Every structure is written in structure tokens, then in C-alpha cells.
Protein backbone atom coordinates (compact mmCIF):
# COMPACT_ATOMS: atom_id res chain seq x y z
CA MET A 1 -19.14 11.76 56.10
CA THR A 2 -16.95 8.68 56.20
CA LYS A 3 -14.28 8.45 53.50
CA PRO A 4 -13.44 5.18 51.80
CA GLU A 5 -10.04 5.06 53.46
CA GLU A 6 -11.58 5.52 56.89
CA ARG A 7 -14.09 2.74 56.21
CA THR A 8 -11.35 0.38 55.06
CA LYS A 9 -9.22 1.26 58.08
CA ALA A 10 -12.16 0.57 60.39
CA VAL A 11 -12.67 -2.88 58.92
CA VAL A 12 -8.95 -3.79 59.12
CA GLU A 13 -8.59 -2.48 62.65
CA THR A 14 -11.78 -4.22 63.80
CA ARG A 15 -10.41 -7.51 62.49
CA ASP A 16 -7.16 -6.85 64.37
CA PHE A 17 -9.04 -5.88 67.53
CA LEU A 18 -11.11 -9.13 67.39
CA ARG A 19 -7.94 -11.16 67.01
CA ILE A 20 -6.50 -9.47 70.10
CA LEU A 21 -9.67 -10.18 72.09
CA ALA A 22 -9.77 -13.84 70.89
CA ALA A 23 -6.23 -14.38 72.04
CA ALA A 24 -6.45 -12.56 75.38
CA ASP A 25 -6.60 -14.47 78.59
CA GLU A 26 -8.04 -11.52 80.46
CA ILE A 27 -8.96 -7.90 79.76
CA THR A 28 -7.90 -5.87 82.76
CA ILE A 29 -8.42 -2.21 81.90
CA PRO A 30 -12.03 -1.18 82.63
CA GLY A 31 -13.72 0.49 79.69
CA LEU A 32 -10.97 -0.46 77.23
CA VAL A 33 -13.15 -2.74 75.07
CA GLN A 34 -16.01 -0.20 74.96
CA ALA A 35 -13.70 2.67 74.06
CA VAL A 36 -11.94 0.81 71.30
CA ALA A 37 -15.25 -0.62 69.90
CA ALA A 38 -16.81 2.89 69.80
CA GLY A 39 -13.84 4.27 67.88
CA LEU A 40 -13.92 1.40 65.40
CA LEU A 41 -17.67 1.68 64.84
CA GLU A 42 -17.39 5.37 63.95
CA HIS A 43 -16.47 4.54 60.34
CA TYR A 44 -17.54 0.91 60.19
CA PRO A 45 -19.65 0.12 57.06
CA ILE A 46 -23.41 0.31 57.47
CA ASP A 47 -25.87 -1.96 55.67
CA ALA A 48 -26.22 0.52 52.80
CA ASP A 49 -22.46 0.40 52.27
CA LEU A 50 -22.45 -3.38 52.25
CA GLY A 51 -25.37 -3.40 49.81
CA LEU A 52 -23.44 -1.16 47.37
CA SER A 53 -20.37 -3.38 47.75
CA ALA A 54 -22.49 -6.45 47.10
CA SER A 55 -23.84 -4.85 43.89
CA ALA A 56 -20.40 -4.03 42.64
CA LEU A 57 -18.63 -7.20 43.85
CA PRO A 58 -21.12 -10.01 44.31
CA SER A 59 -18.35 -12.62 44.37
CA ILE A 60 -16.86 -10.97 47.44
CA TRP A 61 -19.77 -9.37 49.35
CA ALA A 62 -23.34 -10.43 50.03
CA TYR A 63 -26.37 -8.22 50.77
CA PRO A 64 -26.93 -7.85 54.51
CA ASN A 65 -30.02 -9.48 55.95
CA GLN A 66 -32.83 -7.04 56.25
CA ASN A 67 -34.26 -8.21 59.59
């Protein structure tokens, strides 16, 4: 079970990771992106988490699309 601090850490670290990827000219270590992404996704919020957040804080979060 993911703890709130793990979920928050995953969101913050994912943002940081995306910033690194956006600024990189080239990714040279094979498998690096996949390995980091898999680690970040382990505790990343799922749609149910986002829905609960949207209920509690509708001015900050929206309900995820149910496609």
C-alpha cells in the first residue's frame, strides 16, 4: 500500500525527471528512462487517488477523464 509521503515524493520526482528529460540534448544510457519511469510509477497516484483529491480540493485538482 502506498503511503501519502510516497505518493507525494513520486509526483515531485516525476516532475523533476520530466524537467531533466526536457532539457537533455541526448539520453545515452540504455534503459535509463525506462528504469527511472518504472520506479516513479510505483507510487504515482492512480485515478481513484486523483478523484479523492478532486473531491477534497476541487480548486486544485480535477476528476480524471474516465475514457
